[in-house]
Amino acid sequence: MPTERRPVGILGLGVLGLAALEALRSRGRRNLDGMRCFAGQEELPAFLTDLDVAACLLPLTAETGGMPDAALFGALARGACLVNAGRGGHLVEADLLAVLEAG
């Protein structure tokens, strides 16, 4: 399915995130022309809704460490994919294993 018809979300709109958006021509929040953007933990559930792919390109900070976690996985649609190109400290491995075991 072409990316124009498949919802893709990018977590982190720095250099890598913007490059990924350009490559995918996706939607995403930072007041970018033609894109729907979200910001902050309070908007994360709305961001994750209906995504087929969530790409994590966040910098590793005190606010972003431990994410993706069970809450993020629970907000994704069944069958959605996570691409974690961020630093290893982001991922809560136990939560990932639990969601994979649950199907």
N, C-alpha and C. Protein backbone atom coordinates (compact mmCIF):
# COMPACT_ATOMS: atom_id res chain seq x y z
N MET A 1 0.85 -1.17 0.00
CA MET A 1 0.00 0.00 0.00
C MET A 1 0.90 1.23 0.00
N PRO A 2 0.63 2.21 -0.88
CA PRO A 2 1.45 3.43 -0.91
C PRO A 2 1.33 4.22 0.38
N THR A 3 2.40 4.93 0.76
CA THR A 3 2.39 5.69 2.00
C THR A 3 1.35 6.78 2.00
N GLU A 4 0.91 7.25 0.83
CA GLU A 4 -0.12 8.28 0.79
C GLU A 4 -1.44 7.78 1.38
N ARG A 5 -1.66 6.47 1.38
CA ARG A 5 -2.91 5.90 1.89
C ARG A 5 -2.70 5.09 3.17
N ARG A 6 -1.53 5.16 3.76
CA ARG A 6 -1.23 4.41 4.98
C ARG A 6 -0.75 5.39 6.04
N PRO A 7 -1.51 5.52 7.16
CA PRO A 7 -1.10 6.46 8.20
C PRO A 7 0.23 6.07 8.84
N VAL A 8 1.13 7.01 8.89
CA VAL A 8 2.45 6.81 9.49
C VAL A 8 2.69 7.97 10.44
N GLY A 9 3.15 7.70 11.65
CA GLY A 9 3.47 8.75 12.61
C GLY A 9 4.94 8.74 12.94
N ILE A 10 5.52 9.90 13.10
CA ILE A 10 6.92 10.05 13.45
C ILE A 10 7.01 10.65 14.84
N LEU A 11 7.67 9.96 15.75
CA LEU A 11 7.92 10.47 17.09
C LEU A 11 9.29 11.15 17.07
N GLY A 12 9.30 12.46 17.11
CA GLY A 12 10.55 13.20 17.07
C GLY A 12 10.73 13.88 15.73
N LEU A 13 10.61 15.20 15.69
CA LEU A 13 10.75 15.93 14.44
C LEU A 13 12.04 16.73 14.39
N GLY A 14 13.12 16.06 14.77
CA GLY A 14 14.44 16.65 14.61
C GLY A 14 14.95 16.36 13.20
N VAL A 15 16.25 16.31 13.03
CA VAL A 15 16.85 16.09 11.73
C VAL A 15 16.39 14.76 11.13
N LEU A 16 16.46 13.68 11.93
CA LEU A 16 16.05 12.37 11.42
C LEU A 16 14.56 12.31 11.13
N GLY A 17 13.75 12.84 12.05
CA GLY A 17 12.30 12.81 11.86
C GLY A 17 11.86 13.59 10.64
N LEU A 18 12.42 14.78 10.46
CA LEU A 18 12.07 15.58 9.29
C LEU A 18 12.51 14.90 7.99
N ALA A 19 13.66 14.24 8.03
CA ALA A 19 14.12 13.50 6.84
C ALA A 19 13.17 12.35 6.54
N ALA A 20 12.70 11.66 7.60
CA ALA A 20 11.75 10.56 7.40
C ALA A 20 10.44 11.09 6.83
N LEU A 21 9.96 12.22 7.36
CA LEU A 21 8.73 12.82 6.83
C LEU A 21 8.88 13.18 5.36
N GLU A 22 9.99 13.74 5.01
CA GLU A 22 10.22 14.11 3.62
C GLU A 22 10.21 12.87 2.74
N ALA A 23 10.85 11.80 3.22
CA ALA A 23 10.91 10.57 2.44
C ALA A 23 9.54 9.92 2.30
N LEU A 24 8.73 9.99 3.34
CA LEU A 24 7.42 9.35 3.33
C LEU A 24 6.31 10.26 2.84
N ARG A 25 6.57 11.57 2.88
CA ARG A 25 5.53 12.56 2.56
C ARG A 25 4.31 12.30 3.43
N SER A 26 4.56 12.15 4.71
CA SER A 26 3.54 11.81 5.70
C SER A 26 2.94 13.05 6.32
N ARG A 27 2.01 12.83 7.26
CA ARG A 27 1.43 13.92 8.04
C ARG A 27 2.05 13.88 9.44
N GLY A 28 2.08 14.85 10.08
CA GLY A 28 2.57 14.80 11.40
C GLY A 28 2.34 16.05 12.24
N ARG A 29 3.01 17.48 14.16
CA ARG A 29 2.79 18.87 14.60
C ARG A 29 4.10 19.59 14.82
N ARG A 30 4.23 20.60 14.26
CA ARG A 30 5.30 21.55 14.45
C ARG A 30 5.01 22.75 13.57
N ASN A 31 3.73 22.86 13.18
CA ASN A 31 3.27 23.87 12.24
C ASN A 31 4.02 23.77 10.92
N LEU A 32 4.03 22.57 10.39
CA LEU A 32 4.63 22.32 9.09
C LEU A 32 3.53 22.32 8.04
N ASP A 33 3.75 23.00 6.95
CA ASP A 33 2.74 23.10 5.90
C ASP A 33 2.28 21.71 5.45
N GLY A 34 0.96 21.53 5.42
CA GLY A 34 0.38 20.30 4.93
C GLY A 34 0.46 19.12 5.87
N MET A 35 0.84 19.34 7.14
CA MET A 35 0.99 18.24 8.09
C MET A 35 0.21 18.52 9.35
N ARG A 36 -0.37 17.48 9.91
CA ARG A 36 -1.05 17.57 11.20
C ARG A 36 -0.05 17.16 12.27
N CYS A 37 0.26 18.05 13.19
CA CYS A 37 1.29 17.80 14.19
C CYS A 37 0.70 17.72 15.60
N PHE A 38 1.34 16.96 16.45
CA PHE A 38 0.97 16.79 17.84
C PHE A 38 2.20 17.07 18.70
N ALA A 39 1.99 17.42 19.96
CA ALA A 39 3.11 17.68 20.85
C ALA A 39 2.75 17.32 22.27
N GLY A 40 3.70 16.76 22.99
CA GLY A 40 3.53 16.48 24.41
C GLY A 40 2.82 15.18 24.72
N GLN A 41 2.99 14.74 25.96
CA GLN A 41 2.39 13.49 26.43
C GLN A 41 0.87 13.52 26.35
N GLU A 42 0.27 14.69 26.61
CA GLU A 42 -1.20 14.77 26.61
C GLU A 42 -1.79 14.54 25.22
N GLU A 43 -1.03 14.80 24.16
CA GLU A 43 -1.53 14.59 22.81
C GLU A 43 -1.09 13.26 22.21
N LEU A 44 -0.29 12.49 22.95
CA LEU A 44 0.22 11.22 22.43
C LEU A 44 -0.88 10.23 22.05
N PRO A 45 -1.92 10.02 22.89
CA PRO A 45 -2.97 9.07 22.48
C PRO A 45 -3.66 9.46 21.18
N ALA A 46 -3.94 10.74 20.99
CA ALA A 46 -4.58 11.20 19.74
C ALA A 46 -3.64 10.98 18.55
N PHE A 47 -2.36 11.19 18.78
CA PHE A 47 -1.36 10.97 17.73
C PHE A 47 -1.32 9.51 17.30
N LEU A 48 -1.37 8.61 18.25
CA LEU A 48 -1.22 7.18 17.97
C LEU A 48 -2.46 6.55 17.35
N THR A 49 -3.60 7.18 17.51
CA THR A 49 -4.86 6.63 17.01
C THR A 49 -4.79 6.44 15.51
N ASP A 50 -5.16 5.27 15.06
CA ASP A 50 -5.28 4.93 13.64
C ASP A 50 -3.98 4.88 12.86
N LEU A 51 -2.84 4.84 13.53
CA LEU A 51 -1.58 4.70 12.80
C LEU A 51 -1.36 3.24 12.40
N ASP A 52 -0.82 3.04 11.22
CA ASP A 52 -0.34 1.72 10.81
C ASP A 52 1.12 1.56 11.23
N VAL A 53 1.85 2.67 11.25
CA VAL A 53 3.27 2.66 11.59
C VAL A 53 3.56 3.85 12.49
N ALA A 54 4.23 3.61 13.61
CA ALA A 54 4.74 4.68 14.47
C ALA A 54 6.26 4.56 14.46
N ALA A 55 6.94 5.61 14.05
CA ALA A 55 8.40 5.61 13.99
C ALA A 55 8.94 6.48 15.11
N CYS A 56 9.73 5.89 15.99
CA CYS A 56 10.30 6.62 17.12
C CYS A 56 11.69 7.11 16.76
N LEU A 57 11.83 8.43 16.66
CA LEU A 57 13.11 9.07 16.35
C LEU A 57 13.42 10.14 17.40
N LEU A 58 12.92 9.93 18.60
CA LEU A 58 13.09 10.92 19.67
C LEU A 58 14.51 10.94 20.19
N PRO A 59 14.97 12.09 20.65
CA PRO A 59 16.24 12.13 21.37
C PRO A 59 16.04 11.47 22.73
N LEU A 60 17.10 10.93 23.30
CA LEU A 60 17.00 10.31 24.62
C LEU A 60 17.19 11.39 25.69
N THR A 61 16.09 11.73 26.37
CA THR A 61 16.09 12.73 27.43
C THR A 61 15.37 12.15 28.64
N ALA A 62 15.34 12.90 29.73
CA ALA A 62 14.61 12.47 30.92
C ALA A 62 13.13 12.30 30.61
N GLU A 63 12.59 13.11 29.72
CA GLU A 63 11.17 13.03 29.37
C GLU A 63 10.85 11.89 28.42
N THR A 64 11.79 11.49 27.58
CA THR A 64 11.51 10.47 26.57
C THR A 64 12.03 9.08 26.93
N GLY A 65 12.88 8.98 27.96
CA GLY A 65 13.38 7.67 28.37
C GLY A 65 12.24 6.79 28.85
N GLY A 66 12.27 5.51 28.51
CA GLY A 66 11.21 4.61 28.91
C GLY A 66 10.00 4.69 28.01
N MET A 67 10.18 5.15 26.82
CA MET A 67 9.09 5.25 25.86
C MET A 67 9.67 4.81 24.52
N PRO A 68 9.14 3.85 23.87
CA PRO A 68 7.85 3.20 23.95
C PRO A 68 7.72 2.26 25.15
N ASP A 69 6.51 2.25 25.69
CA ASP A 69 6.19 1.44 26.86
C ASP A 69 4.79 0.84 26.69
N ALA A 70 4.28 0.20 27.74
CA ALA A 70 2.97 -0.44 27.68
C ALA A 70 1.86 0.53 27.29
N ALA A 71 1.91 1.75 27.78
CA ALA A 71 0.88 2.73 27.44
C ALA A 71 0.90 3.05 25.95
N LEU A 72 2.08 3.22 25.38
CA LEU A 72 2.19 3.49 23.95
C LEU A 72 1.70 2.29 23.15
N PHE A 73 2.16 1.10 23.51
CA PHE A 73 1.73 -0.10 22.78
C PHE A 73 0.22 -0.28 22.87
N GLY A 74 -0.36 0.01 24.04
CA GLY A 74 -1.80 -0.13 24.22
C GLY A 74 -2.61 0.86 23.41
N ALA A 75 -2.02 2.00 23.07
CA ALA A 75 -2.73 3.02 22.29
C ALA A 75 -2.68 2.74 20.79
N LEU A 76 -1.75 1.90 20.36
CA LEU A 76 -1.65 1.58 18.93
C LEU A 76 -2.74 0.61 18.53
N ALA A 77 -3.18 0.70 17.30
CA ALA A 77 -4.16 -0.24 16.76
C ALA A 77 -3.53 -1.63 16.68
N ARG A 78 -4.35 -2.65 16.83
CA ARG A 78 -3.85 -4.02 16.70
C ARG A 78 -3.24 -4.19 15.30
N GLY A 79 -2.05 -4.74 15.24
CA GLY A 79 -1.37 -4.94 13.97
C GLY A 79 -0.49 -3.78 13.54
N ALA A 80 -0.51 -2.68 14.30
CA ALA A 80 0.35 -1.54 13.96
C ALA A 80 1.81 -1.91 14.19
N CYS A 81 2.69 -1.25 13.48
CA CYS A 81 4.13 -1.50 13.59
C CYS A 81 4.81 -0.35 14.32
N LEU A 82 5.84 -0.69 15.05
CA LEU A 82 6.69 0.32 15.69
C LEU A 82 8.07 0.20 15.08
N VAL A 83 8.60 1.30 14.60
CA VAL A 83 9.98 1.37 14.13
C VAL A 83 10.71 2.23 15.15
N ASN A 84 11.61 1.62 15.92
CA ASN A 84 12.35 2.35 16.94
C ASN A 84 13.76 2.60 16.46
N ALA A 85 13.96 3.75 15.84
CA ALA A 85 15.29 4.14 15.37
C ALA A 85 15.95 5.08 16.37
N GLY A 86 15.29 5.27 17.52
CA GLY A 86 15.85 6.11 18.58
C GLY A 86 16.91 5.34 19.35
N ARG A 87 17.36 5.90 20.42
CA ARG A 87 18.39 5.27 21.22
C ARG A 87 17.80 4.13 22.04
N GLY A 88 18.63 3.15 22.38
CA GLY A 88 18.17 1.95 23.08
C GLY A 88 17.49 2.21 24.40
N GLY A 89 17.81 3.31 25.08
CA GLY A 89 17.22 3.61 26.37
C GLY A 89 15.75 3.96 26.31
N HIS A 90 15.23 4.16 25.13
CA HIS A 90 13.81 4.47 25.00
C HIS A 90 12.93 3.27 25.32
N LEU A 91 13.22 2.17 24.72
CA LEU A 91 12.35 1.01 24.73
C LEU A 91 12.30 0.32 26.08
N VAL A 92 11.07 0.06 26.55
CA VAL A 92 10.87 -0.76 27.76
C VAL A 92 10.68 -2.19 27.24
N GLU A 93 11.76 -2.96 27.25
CA GLU A 93 11.75 -4.29 26.65
C GLU A 93 10.71 -5.21 27.25
N ALA A 94 10.53 -5.17 28.57
CA ALA A 94 9.54 -6.03 29.21
C ALA A 94 8.14 -5.74 28.69
N ASP A 95 7.82 -4.48 28.45
CA ASP A 95 6.52 -4.11 27.91
C ASP A 95 6.36 -4.59 26.47
N LEU A 96 7.43 -4.50 25.69
CA LEU A 96 7.39 -4.99 24.32
C LEU A 96 7.17 -6.49 24.30
N LEU A 97 7.90 -7.22 25.12
CA LEU A 97 7.73 -8.68 25.16
C LEU A 97 6.33 -9.06 25.60
N ALA A 98 5.77 -8.33 26.56
CA ALA A 98 4.42 -8.63 27.04
C ALA A 98 3.38 -8.42 25.94
N VAL A 99 3.50 -7.33 25.19
CA VAL A 99 2.52 -7.07 24.14
C VAL A 99 2.68 -8.08 22.99
N LEU A 100 3.89 -8.49 22.70
CA LEU A 100 4.10 -9.50 21.67
C LEU A 100 3.51 -10.84 22.10
N GLU A 101 3.72 -11.22 23.36
CA GLU A 101 3.18 -12.47 23.87
C GLU A 101 1.65 -12.46 23.89
N ALA A 102 1.07 -11.28 24.09
CA ALA A 102 -0.40 -11.15 24.13
C ALA A 102 -1.00 -11.15 22.72
N GLY A 103 -0.16 -11.12 21.71
CA GLY A 103 -0.65 -11.17 20.33
C GLY A 103 -0.84 -9.81 19.74
